[in-house]
Structures are given as structure tokens and as C-alpha cells.
């Protein structure tokens, strides 16, 4: 898991995703439930950073469901829940396409005016 995170930080996301896929599969195979949930959450974060929001949502959702079942600490579950919500929002925005008024969805204007 640490190696995958290091690869990600170095911009080697394809290698990080390969490593995380191995972590997910090994944890699932050996029924290491906490590690499995943790690996899913981190793979979801990587997909999110790549803009692959649908895949991120699936991993965050799976991490949350498994984590709730096996007693993952609440703060870890909260990261997965927030990740799912953010990925869902970004996915919705990308489904709607670019705005025609030049504004950016989901971001506040520089002066703080939300109108």
C-alpha cells in the first residue's frame, strides 16, 4: 500500500493503480477485511485524482459497505463517504457538460458571491 502511495505521489499513477489492484485482490483473497476496505478507499482516491469519477464512486462505495460491516474506524469511513459524495458531484457535472456562461460549476466566485 505504501509503495502504491509513493508511486502516486511521484506521478506514476498507472503503476500505483496496478499496485492497488494487487492490494485489493490480495486482501480479498486472504479475507483481510480492514486492509481490503483501506485498499479500496485508496484506489478510489487515485481514480478520483485521475478524473475517473465513476470508478472512484464504486471503490468508495465498496470501501464504505465493507468497512461498516467489519468495524473500520469511523474516520476512515468518513473519508470514503466524502470521496463518494465528491465523485458523485463531479460525475454529475461532467455528465451535464461545460457551462455556456463561462462559470465553473461547484466553485465559489473569487469575491465569495454565490449568485
N, C-alpha and C. Protein backbone atom coordinates (compact mmCIF):
# COMPACT_ATOMS: atom_id res chain seq x y z
N UNK A 1 0.82 -1.18 0.00
CA UNK A 1 0.00 0.00 0.00
C UNK A 1 0.88 1.26 0.00
N UNK A 2 1.91 1.24 0.80
CA UNK A 2 2.80 2.41 0.86
C UNK A 2 3.51 2.63 -0.47
N UNK A 3 3.89 1.54 -1.11
CA UNK A 3 4.56 1.66 -2.41
C UNK A 3 3.62 2.29 -3.44
N UNK A 4 2.36 1.90 -3.41
CA UNK A 4 1.37 2.49 -4.33
C UNK A 4 1.22 3.98 -4.07
N UNK A 5 1.15 4.36 -2.82
CA UNK A 5 1.01 5.79 -2.49
C UNK A 5 2.24 6.56 -2.95
N UNK A 6 3.42 6.00 -2.76
CA UNK A 6 4.65 6.65 -3.20
C UNK A 6 4.67 6.82 -4.72
N UNK A 7 4.26 5.79 -5.43
CA UNK A 7 4.18 5.89 -6.89
C UNK A 7 3.21 6.99 -7.31
N UNK A 8 2.11 7.05 -6.62
CA UNK A 8 1.11 8.08 -6.92
C UNK A 8 1.68 9.47 -6.70
N UNK A 9 2.36 9.66 -5.59
CA UNK A 9 2.95 10.97 -5.29
C UNK A 9 4.01 11.36 -6.31
N UNK A 10 4.65 10.37 -6.91
CA UNK A 10 5.68 10.64 -7.92
C UNK A 10 5.09 10.77 -9.32
N UNK A 11 3.76 10.74 -9.41
CA UNK A 11 3.11 10.90 -10.70
C UNK A 11 3.04 9.64 -11.54
N UNK A 12 3.32 8.51 -10.94
CA UNK A 12 3.30 7.23 -11.65
C UNK A 12 1.98 6.52 -11.35
N UNK A 13 0.88 7.16 -11.78
CA UNK A 13 -0.44 6.68 -11.38
C UNK A 13 -0.80 5.32 -11.98
N UNK A 14 -0.36 5.03 -13.18
CA UNK A 14 -0.66 3.71 -13.75
C UNK A 14 -0.04 2.60 -12.90
N UNK A 15 1.20 2.81 -12.47
CA UNK A 15 1.85 1.83 -11.61
C UNK A 15 1.17 1.77 -10.25
N UNK A 16 0.76 2.93 -9.74
CA UNK A 16 0.06 2.96 -8.46
C UNK A 16 -1.24 2.18 -8.54
N UNK A 17 -2.00 2.36 -9.62
CA UNK A 17 -3.26 1.63 -9.78
C UNK A 17 -3.02 0.13 -9.90
N UNK A 18 -1.97 -0.27 -10.58
CA UNK A 18 -1.64 -1.70 -10.67
C UNK A 18 -1.32 -2.27 -9.30
N UNK A 19 -0.54 -1.53 -8.55
CA UNK A 19 -0.18 -1.96 -7.19
C UNK A 19 -1.42 -2.03 -6.30
N UNK A 20 -2.28 -1.03 -6.40
CA UNK A 20 -3.50 -1.02 -5.59
C UNK A 20 -4.44 -2.16 -5.98
N UNK A 21 -4.51 -2.48 -7.26
CA UNK A 21 -5.33 -3.62 -7.69
C UNK A 21 -4.83 -4.91 -7.05
N UNK A 22 -3.50 -5.06 -6.98
CA UNK A 22 -2.92 -6.23 -6.32
C UNK A 22 -3.26 -6.24 -4.83
N UNK A 23 -3.19 -5.08 -4.20
CA UNK A 23 -3.51 -4.97 -2.77
C UNK A 23 -4.97 -5.35 -2.51
N UNK A 24 -5.87 -4.84 -3.36
CA UNK A 24 -7.29 -5.15 -3.22
C UNK A 24 -7.51 -6.66 -3.36
N UNK A 25 -6.93 -7.24 -4.39
CA UNK A 25 -7.13 -8.68 -4.65
C UNK A 25 -6.52 -9.54 -3.55
N UNK A 26 -5.32 -9.21 -3.10
CA UNK A 26 -4.68 -9.99 -2.03
C UNK A 26 -5.49 -9.91 -0.74
N UNK A 27 -5.93 -8.71 -0.39
CA UNK A 27 -6.71 -8.55 0.83
C UNK A 27 -8.03 -9.32 0.74
N UNK A 28 -8.67 -9.27 -0.43
CA UNK A 28 -9.93 -10.01 -0.62
C UNK A 28 -9.68 -11.51 -0.52
N UNK A 29 -8.64 -12.00 -1.17
CA UNK A 29 -8.32 -13.43 -1.18
C UNK A 29 -8.07 -13.96 0.22
N UNK A 30 -7.34 -13.20 1.02
CA UNK A 30 -6.98 -13.64 2.37
C UNK A 30 -8.00 -13.22 3.43
N UNK A 31 -9.06 -12.55 2.99
CA UNK A 31 -10.11 -12.07 3.89
C UNK A 31 -9.56 -11.14 4.96
N UNK A 32 -8.64 -10.28 4.55
CA UNK A 32 -8.12 -9.23 5.42
C UNK A 32 -9.04 -8.03 5.23
N UNK A 33 -10.15 -8.03 5.91
CA UNK A 33 -11.24 -7.09 5.64
C UNK A 33 -10.85 -5.62 5.85
N UNK A 34 -10.14 -5.34 6.91
CA UNK A 34 -9.73 -3.94 7.15
C UNK A 34 -8.82 -3.45 6.04
N UNK A 35 -7.84 -4.28 5.66
CA UNK A 35 -6.92 -3.90 4.60
C UNK A 35 -7.64 -3.79 3.25
N UNK A 36 -8.61 -4.66 3.05
CA UNK A 36 -9.39 -4.63 1.81
C UNK A 36 -10.14 -3.30 1.69
N UNK A 37 -10.80 -2.90 2.76
CA UNK A 37 -11.52 -1.62 2.75
C UNK A 37 -10.55 -0.45 2.54
N UNK A 38 -9.42 -0.50 3.21
CA UNK A 38 -8.41 0.55 3.10
C UNK A 38 -7.88 0.64 1.66
N UNK A 39 -7.59 -0.51 1.04
CA UNK A 39 -7.08 -0.52 -0.33
C UNK A 39 -8.12 0.01 -1.31
N UNK A 40 -9.38 -0.35 -1.11
CA UNK A 40 -10.45 0.17 -1.97
C UNK A 40 -10.55 1.69 -1.85
N UNK A 41 -10.45 2.18 -0.62
CA UNK A 41 -10.53 3.63 -0.42
C UNK A 41 -9.39 4.34 -1.13
N UNK A 42 -8.19 3.81 -1.01
CA UNK A 42 -7.04 4.46 -1.65
C UNK A 42 -7.10 4.36 -3.18
N UNK A 43 -7.59 3.24 -3.68
CA UNK A 43 -7.75 3.15 -5.12
C UNK A 43 -8.81 4.14 -5.59
N UNK A 44 -9.87 4.31 -4.80
CA UNK A 44 -10.88 5.31 -5.12
C UNK A 44 -10.30 6.71 -5.16
N UNK A 45 -9.42 7.03 -4.22
CA UNK A 45 -8.77 8.34 -4.22
C UNK A 45 -7.92 8.53 -5.47
N UNK A 46 -7.25 7.48 -5.90
CA UNK A 46 -6.42 7.57 -7.10
C UNK A 46 -7.29 7.78 -8.33
N UNK A 47 -8.38 7.01 -8.44
CA UNK A 47 -9.29 7.21 -9.57
C UNK A 47 -9.86 8.63 -9.56
N UNK A 48 -10.19 9.13 -8.37
CA UNK A 48 -10.73 10.48 -8.25
C UNK A 48 -9.73 11.50 -8.80
N UNK A 49 -8.48 11.37 -8.39
CA UNK A 49 -7.45 12.30 -8.86
C UNK A 49 -7.27 12.24 -10.37
N UNK A 50 -7.56 11.10 -10.97
CA UNK A 50 -7.46 10.94 -12.43
C UNK A 50 -8.72 11.42 -13.15
N UNK A 51 -9.74 11.79 -12.39
CA UNK A 51 -10.99 12.23 -13.01
C UNK A 51 -11.88 11.07 -13.44
N UNK A 52 -11.59 9.88 -12.97
CA UNK A 52 -12.40 8.70 -13.28
C UNK A 52 -13.42 8.52 -12.14
N UNK A 53 -14.42 9.42 -12.15
CA UNK A 53 -15.33 9.54 -11.01
C UNK A 53 -16.23 8.32 -10.83
N UNK A 54 -16.67 7.70 -11.91
CA UNK A 54 -17.50 6.50 -11.78
C UNK A 54 -16.76 5.37 -11.09
N UNK A 55 -15.52 5.16 -11.48
CA UNK A 55 -14.71 4.11 -10.86
C UNK A 55 -14.40 4.47 -9.41
N UNK A 56 -14.14 5.75 -9.16
CA UNK A 56 -13.89 6.20 -7.79
C UNK A 56 -15.11 5.94 -6.91
N UNK A 57 -16.29 6.28 -7.44
CA UNK A 57 -17.53 6.06 -6.68
C UNK A 57 -17.71 4.59 -6.32
N UNK A 58 -17.45 3.70 -7.27
CA UNK A 58 -17.60 2.27 -6.99
C UNK A 58 -16.66 1.82 -5.87
N UNK A 59 -15.41 2.28 -5.92
CA UNK A 59 -14.47 1.88 -4.87
C UNK A 59 -14.82 2.49 -3.52
N UNK A 60 -15.21 3.77 -3.51
CA UNK A 60 -15.60 4.40 -2.24
C UNK A 60 -16.82 3.70 -1.65
N UNK A 61 -17.79 3.37 -2.50
CA UNK A 61 -18.99 2.70 -2.03
C UNK A 61 -18.66 1.32 -1.46
N UNK A 62 -17.82 0.57 -2.16
CA UNK A 62 -17.42 -0.76 -1.68
C UNK A 62 -16.63 -0.66 -0.39
N UNK A 63 -15.73 0.32 -0.30
CA UNK A 63 -14.94 0.51 0.92
C UNK A 63 -15.84 0.84 2.11
N UNK A 64 -16.85 1.67 1.87
CA UNK A 64 -17.78 2.03 2.94
C UNK A 64 -18.61 0.84 3.39
N UNK A 65 -19.19 0.12 2.43
CA UNK A 65 -20.03 -1.03 2.77
C UNK A 65 -19.24 -2.09 3.54
N UNK A 66 -18.06 -2.43 3.04
CA UNK A 66 -17.23 -3.42 3.72
C UNK A 66 -16.79 -2.89 5.08
N UNK A 67 -16.35 -1.65 5.12
CA UNK A 67 -15.88 -1.06 6.36
C UNK A 67 -16.93 -1.03 7.45
N UNK A 68 -18.16 -0.69 7.07
CA UNK A 68 -19.26 -0.68 8.06
C UNK A 68 -19.51 -2.09 8.59
N UNK A 69 -19.39 -3.07 7.73
CA UNK A 69 -19.65 -4.46 8.12
C UNK A 69 -18.59 -5.01 9.06
N UNK A 70 -17.33 -4.58 8.89
CA UNK A 70 -16.24 -5.20 9.66
C UNK A 70 -15.66 -4.28 10.74
N UNK A 71 -16.21 -3.09 10.91
CA UNK A 71 -15.77 -2.23 12.01
C UNK A 71 -14.58 -1.35 11.72
N UNK A 72 -14.46 -0.87 10.49
CA UNK A 72 -13.41 0.10 10.17
C UNK A 72 -13.67 1.36 10.99
N UNK A 73 -12.63 2.01 11.52
CA UNK A 73 -12.83 3.23 12.31
C UNK A 73 -13.64 4.28 11.54
N UNK A 74 -14.47 4.98 12.27
CA UNK A 74 -15.39 5.95 11.68
C UNK A 74 -14.68 7.01 10.84
N UNK A 75 -13.50 7.46 11.27
CA UNK A 75 -12.80 8.49 10.50
C UNK A 75 -12.38 7.98 9.12
N UNK A 76 -12.05 6.69 9.02
CA UNK A 76 -11.72 6.10 7.72
C UNK A 76 -12.97 5.99 6.85
N UNK A 77 -14.08 5.60 7.48
CA UNK A 77 -15.34 5.52 6.73
C UNK A 77 -15.75 6.89 6.22
N UNK A 78 -15.53 7.90 7.02
CA UNK A 78 -15.93 9.25 6.62
C UNK A 78 -15.17 9.71 5.38
N UNK A 79 -13.89 9.35 5.28
CA UNK A 79 -13.12 9.70 4.08
C UNK A 79 -13.75 9.06 2.85
N UNK A 80 -14.12 7.80 2.95
CA UNK A 80 -14.75 7.10 1.82
C UNK A 80 -16.11 7.71 1.49
N UNK A 81 -16.88 8.06 2.51
CA UNK A 81 -18.19 8.69 2.27
C UNK A 81 -18.04 10.04 1.58
N UNK A 82 -17.11 10.84 2.08
CA UNK A 82 -16.88 12.15 1.47
C UNK A 82 -16.35 12.00 0.05
N UNK A 83 -15.48 11.02 -0.16
CA UNK A 83 -14.97 10.76 -1.50
C UNK A 83 -16.09 10.38 -2.46
N UNK A 84 -17.01 9.55 -1.99
CA UNK A 84 -18.15 9.15 -2.82
C UNK A 84 -18.99 10.37 -3.18
N UNK A 85 -19.28 11.21 -2.19
CA UNK A 85 -20.10 12.40 -2.44
C UNK A 85 -19.43 13.34 -3.43
N UNK A 86 -18.14 13.55 -3.26
CA UNK A 86 -17.41 14.45 -4.17
C UNK A 86 -17.35 13.87 -5.58
N UNK A 87 -17.07 12.58 -5.69
CA UNK A 87 -17.01 11.95 -7.01
C UNK A 87 -18.37 11.99 -7.69
N UNK A 88 -19.42 11.80 -6.91
CA UNK A 88 -20.77 11.86 -7.46
C UNK A 88 -21.08 13.25 -8.00
N UNK A 89 -20.70 14.26 -7.24
CA UNK A 89 -20.92 15.64 -7.68
C UNK A 89 -20.13 15.95 -8.96
N UNK A 90 -18.88 15.56 -8.99
CA UNK A 90 -18.06 15.80 -10.17
C UNK A 90 -18.57 15.01 -11.37
N UNK A 91 -19.03 13.77 -11.13
CA UNK A 91 -19.59 12.95 -12.21
C UNK A 91 -20.83 13.63 -12.78
N UNK A 92 -21.70 14.14 -11.90
CA UNK A 92 -22.90 14.84 -12.36
C UNK A 92 -22.53 16.05 -13.21
N UNK A 93 -21.52 16.79 -12.79
CA UNK A 93 -21.09 17.96 -13.54
C UNK A 93 -20.55 17.58 -14.91
N UNK A 94 -19.76 16.51 -14.96
CA UNK A 94 -19.20 16.12 -16.25
C UNK A 94 -20.29 15.57 -17.17
N UNK A 95 -21.33 14.96 -16.60
CA UNK A 95 -22.45 14.47 -17.40
C UNK A 95 -23.24 15.62 -18.02
N UNK A 96 -23.30 16.75 -17.32
CA UNK A 96 -24.04 17.91 -17.82
C UNK A 96 -23.26 18.66 -18.88
N UNK A 97 -21.96 18.47 -18.94
CA UNK A 97 -21.14 19.17 -19.93
C UNK A 97 -20.74 20.55 -19.45
N UNK A 98 -19.94 21.24 -20.27
CA UNK A 98 -19.44 22.56 -19.86
C UNK A 98 -20.56 23.59 -19.82
N UNK A 99 -20.40 24.55 -18.93
CA UNK A 99 -21.37 25.65 -18.85
C UNK A 99 -21.11 26.61 -20.00
N UNK A 100 -22.16 27.24 -20.46
CA UNK A 100 -22.03 28.17 -21.58
C UNK A 100 -21.79 29.60 -21.12
N UNK A 101 -21.96 29.87 -19.82
CA UNK A 101 -21.78 31.24 -19.33
C UNK A 101 -20.36 31.51 -18.85
N UNK A 102 -19.45 30.55 -19.01
CA UNK A 102 -18.06 30.73 -18.63
C UNK A 102 -17.77 30.44 -17.17
N UNK A 103 -18.80 30.19 -16.38
CA UNK A 103 -18.60 29.91 -14.96
C UNK A 103 -18.18 28.45 -14.78
N UNK A 104 -17.61 28.18 -13.63
CA UNK A 104 -17.19 26.83 -13.30
C UNK A 104 -18.13 26.30 -12.24
N UNK A 105 -18.74 25.14 -12.51
CA UNK A 105 -19.66 24.55 -11.53
C UNK A 105 -18.90 24.11 -10.28
N UNK A 106 -19.58 24.25 -9.14
CA UNK A 106 -19.02 23.73 -7.91
C UNK A 106 -17.95 24.59 -7.28
N UNK A 107 -17.68 25.74 -7.83
CA UNK A 107 -16.65 26.61 -7.25
C UNK A 107 -17.26 27.96 -6.95
N UNK A 108 -16.82 28.53 -5.87
CA UNK A 108 -17.29 29.86 -5.50
C UNK A 108 -16.56 30.90 -6.32
N UNK A 109 -17.25 31.97 -6.55
CA UNK A 109 -16.59 33.08 -7.23
C UNK A 109 -15.53 33.66 -6.31
N UNK A 110 -14.55 34.28 -6.88
CA UNK A 110 -13.42 34.80 -6.10
C UNK A 110 -13.86 35.78 -5.04
N UNK A 111 -14.92 36.55 -5.31
CA UNK A 111 -15.35 37.55 -4.33
C UNK A 111 -16.29 36.95 -3.28
N UNK A 112 -16.56 35.64 -3.36
CA UNK A 112 -17.40 34.98 -2.38
C UNK A 112 -18.87 35.03 -2.70
N UNK A 113 -19.28 35.74 -3.75
CA UNK A 113 -20.67 35.85 -4.14
C UNK A 113 -21.08 34.55 -4.82
N UNK A 114 -22.13 33.94 -4.34
CA UNK A 114 -22.58 32.66 -4.89
C UNK A 114 -23.66 32.84 -5.95
N UNK A 115 -24.06 34.06 -6.24
CA UNK A 115 -25.16 34.26 -7.20
C UNK A 115 -24.71 34.17 -8.63
